[in-house]
């Protein structure tokens, strides 16, 4: 049970970091207004992010499960 909870925590933490970084990047670097969407400007960016985010989150979950053992 401890391994499952730590892997879940790793997945959630990596997801929060990925989505938070995306929002900060869109707001601070690109300086998008609140109503504008980065997904509309560059459609391939959504594909890249949605492919990398689960890989990062699953990797973090596996690392957390490995560290608990």
N, C-alpha and C. Protein backbone atom coordinates (compact mmCIF):
# COMPACT_ATOMS: atom_id res chain seq x y z
N UNK A 1 0.82 -1.19 0.00
CA UNK A 1 0.00 0.00 0.00
C UNK A 1 0.87 1.26 0.00
N UNK A 2 1.98 1.18 0.73
CA UNK A 2 2.88 2.32 0.80
C UNK A 2 3.48 2.62 -0.57
N UNK A 3 3.82 1.58 -1.31
CA UNK A 3 4.38 1.76 -2.65
C UNK A 3 3.37 2.40 -3.58
N UNK A 4 2.12 1.96 -3.50
CA UNK A 4 1.07 2.54 -4.34
C UNK A 4 0.85 4.01 -4.02
N UNK A 5 0.80 4.35 -2.75
CA UNK A 5 0.57 5.75 -2.36
C UNK A 5 1.73 6.65 -2.78
N UNK A 6 2.94 6.17 -2.65
CA UNK A 6 4.09 6.97 -3.06
C UNK A 6 4.15 7.13 -4.57
N UNK A 7 3.79 6.08 -5.30
CA UNK A 7 3.78 6.21 -6.76
C UNK A 7 2.66 7.15 -7.21
N UNK A 8 1.53 7.10 -6.53
CA UNK A 8 0.43 8.04 -6.82
C UNK A 8 0.86 9.47 -6.51
N UNK A 9 1.55 9.65 -5.40
CA UNK A 9 2.05 10.98 -5.05
C UNK A 9 3.05 11.48 -6.09
N UNK A 10 3.94 10.60 -6.56
CA UNK A 10 4.89 10.99 -7.60
C UNK A 10 4.19 11.38 -8.89
N UNK A 11 3.16 10.63 -9.28
CA UNK A 11 2.40 10.95 -10.49
C UNK A 11 1.70 12.30 -10.36
N UNK A 12 1.06 12.52 -9.22
CA UNK A 12 0.33 13.78 -9.01
C UNK A 12 1.29 14.96 -8.95
N UNK A 13 2.40 14.80 -8.24
CA UNK A 13 3.37 15.87 -8.12
C UNK A 13 3.97 16.24 -9.48
N UNK A 14 4.31 15.24 -10.28
CA UNK A 14 4.85 15.51 -11.61
C UNK A 14 3.80 16.17 -12.50
N UNK A 15 2.55 15.79 -12.35
CA UNK A 15 1.48 16.41 -13.14
C UNK A 15 1.29 17.88 -12.75
N UNK A 16 1.32 18.16 -11.47
CA UNK A 16 1.18 19.55 -11.01
C UNK A 16 2.34 20.39 -11.52
N UNK A 17 3.55 19.84 -11.46
CA UNK A 17 4.72 20.58 -11.95
C UNK A 17 4.61 20.82 -13.46
N UNK A 18 4.21 19.81 -14.21
CA UNK A 18 4.11 19.96 -15.67
C UNK A 18 3.06 20.99 -16.06
N UNK A 19 1.87 20.89 -15.48
CA UNK A 19 0.81 21.84 -15.83
C UNK A 19 1.11 23.23 -15.30
N UNK A 20 1.70 23.32 -14.12
CA UNK A 20 2.07 24.63 -13.57
C UNK A 20 3.13 25.30 -14.42
N UNK A 21 4.11 24.52 -14.86
CA UNK A 21 5.15 25.09 -15.71
C UNK A 21 4.57 25.55 -17.05
N UNK A 22 3.63 24.80 -17.58
CA UNK A 22 2.99 25.21 -18.83
C UNK A 22 2.24 26.53 -18.66
N UNK A 23 1.51 26.66 -17.56
CA UNK A 23 0.77 27.89 -17.31
C UNK A 23 1.70 29.08 -17.08
N UNK A 24 2.77 28.86 -16.31
CA UNK A 24 3.73 29.94 -16.07
C UNK A 24 4.44 30.34 -17.36
N UNK A 25 4.80 29.35 -18.17
CA UNK A 25 5.47 29.65 -19.42
C UNK A 25 4.56 30.45 -20.35
N UNK A 26 3.31 30.05 -20.42
CA UNK A 26 2.35 30.77 -21.26
C UNK A 26 2.09 32.18 -20.76
N UNK A 27 2.06 32.33 -19.43
CA UNK A 27 1.75 33.64 -18.86
C UNK A 27 2.94 34.57 -18.78
N UNK A 28 4.11 34.05 -18.43
CA UNK A 28 5.27 34.91 -18.22
C UNK A 28 6.15 35.06 -19.45
N UNK A 29 6.42 33.97 -20.13
CA UNK A 29 7.33 34.03 -21.28
C UNK A 29 6.60 34.50 -22.53
N UNK A 30 5.48 33.86 -22.83
CA UNK A 30 4.74 34.24 -24.03
C UNK A 30 3.84 35.46 -23.81
N UNK A 31 3.55 35.77 -22.57
CA UNK A 31 2.69 36.90 -22.18
C UNK A 31 1.35 36.88 -22.93
N UNK A 32 0.70 35.72 -22.85
CA UNK A 32 -0.61 35.58 -23.48
C UNK A 32 -1.67 36.27 -22.63
N UNK A 33 -2.59 36.98 -23.25
CA UNK A 33 -3.70 37.55 -22.50
C UNK A 33 -4.60 36.43 -21.97
N UNK A 34 -5.38 36.69 -20.93
CA UNK A 34 -6.20 35.64 -20.32
C UNK A 34 -7.14 34.92 -21.28
N UNK A 35 -7.66 35.56 -22.28
CA UNK A 35 -8.60 34.92 -23.20
C UNK A 35 -7.94 34.18 -24.34
N UNK A 36 -6.63 34.38 -24.53
CA UNK A 36 -5.92 33.76 -25.65
C UNK A 36 -5.49 32.34 -25.28
N UNK A 37 -5.35 31.50 -26.28
CA UNK A 37 -4.98 30.11 -26.06
C UNK A 37 -3.73 29.76 -26.86
N UNK A 38 -2.75 29.18 -26.19
CA UNK A 38 -1.53 28.75 -26.88
C UNK A 38 -1.83 27.57 -27.80
N UNK A 39 -2.82 26.76 -27.41
CA UNK A 39 -3.16 25.59 -28.24
C UNK A 39 -3.68 26.02 -29.60
N UNK A 40 -4.37 27.16 -29.67
CA UNK A 40 -4.88 27.65 -30.95
C UNK A 40 -3.76 28.22 -31.83
N UNK A 41 -2.77 28.80 -31.19
CA UNK A 41 -1.67 29.40 -31.95
C UNK A 41 -0.77 28.35 -32.59
N UNK A 42 -0.43 27.32 -31.82
CA UNK A 42 0.43 26.25 -32.33
C UNK A 42 -0.21 24.91 -31.99
N UNK A 43 -0.93 24.33 -32.93
CA UNK A 43 -1.66 23.09 -32.66
C UNK A 43 -0.75 21.91 -32.31
N UNK A 44 0.46 21.86 -32.84
CA UNK A 44 1.35 20.74 -32.54
C UNK A 44 1.86 20.78 -31.10
N UNK A 45 1.80 21.93 -30.45
CA UNK A 45 2.28 22.04 -29.08
C UNK A 45 1.44 21.19 -28.14
N UNK A 46 0.16 21.10 -28.40
CA UNK A 46 -0.71 20.27 -27.56
C UNK A 46 -0.32 18.80 -27.69
N UNK A 47 -0.01 18.37 -28.91
CA UNK A 47 0.40 16.98 -29.11
C UNK A 47 1.70 16.68 -28.39
N UNK A 48 2.64 17.60 -28.47
CA UNK A 48 3.94 17.40 -27.81
C UNK A 48 3.77 17.37 -26.30
N UNK A 49 3.01 18.32 -25.75
CA UNK A 49 2.83 18.37 -24.30
C UNK A 49 2.07 17.15 -23.81
N UNK A 50 1.01 16.78 -24.51
CA UNK A 50 0.20 15.64 -24.06
C UNK A 50 0.92 14.30 -24.26
N UNK A 51 1.97 14.28 -25.05
CA UNK A 51 2.79 13.08 -25.17
C UNK A 51 3.86 13.03 -24.08
N UNK A 52 4.43 14.18 -23.76
CA UNK A 52 5.51 14.22 -22.77
C UNK A 52 5.01 14.19 -21.34
N UNK A 53 3.86 14.78 -21.07
CA UNK A 53 3.36 14.85 -19.71
C UNK A 53 3.12 13.47 -19.09
N UNK A 54 2.43 12.53 -19.76
CA UNK A 54 2.27 11.21 -19.14
C UNK A 54 3.59 10.47 -18.96
N UNK A 55 4.51 10.66 -19.90
CA UNK A 55 5.82 9.99 -19.76
C UNK A 55 6.55 10.51 -18.52
N UNK A 56 6.53 11.81 -18.32
CA UNK A 56 7.14 12.40 -17.15
C UNK A 56 6.46 11.93 -15.87
N UNK A 57 5.13 11.93 -15.87
CA UNK A 57 4.38 11.55 -14.68
C UNK A 57 4.57 10.06 -14.35
N UNK A 58 4.57 9.21 -15.36
CA UNK A 58 4.77 7.78 -15.12
C UNK A 58 6.20 7.52 -14.66
N UNK A 59 7.15 8.23 -15.23
CA UNK A 59 8.53 8.11 -14.79
C UNK A 59 8.71 8.52 -13.34
N UNK A 60 8.04 9.59 -12.94
CA UNK A 60 8.11 10.04 -11.55
C UNK A 60 7.43 9.04 -10.62
N UNK A 61 6.34 8.44 -11.06
CA UNK A 61 5.67 7.42 -10.24
C UNK A 61 6.55 6.20 -10.06
N UNK A 62 7.23 5.80 -11.14
CA UNK A 62 8.13 4.64 -11.04
C UNK A 62 9.32 4.94 -10.14
N UNK A 63 9.84 6.15 -10.23
CA UNK A 63 10.96 6.54 -9.37
C UNK A 63 10.54 6.58 -7.91
N UNK A 64 9.36 7.13 -7.63
CA UNK A 64 8.87 7.17 -6.25
C UNK A 64 8.65 5.78 -5.71
N UNK A 65 8.10 4.89 -6.51
CA UNK A 65 7.88 3.50 -6.06
C UNK A 65 9.21 2.80 -5.82
N UNK A 66 10.19 3.10 -6.64
CA UNK A 66 11.52 2.48 -6.48
C UNK A 66 12.22 2.99 -5.23
N UNK A 67 12.06 4.27 -4.93
CA UNK A 67 12.71 4.85 -3.75
C UNK A 67 12.11 4.37 -2.45
N UNK A 68 10.84 4.01 -2.47
CA UNK A 68 10.16 3.55 -1.25
C UNK A 68 10.61 2.14 -0.88
N UNK A 69 10.90 1.33 -1.87
CA UNK A 69 11.28 -0.06 -1.60
C UNK A 69 12.52 -0.16 -0.83
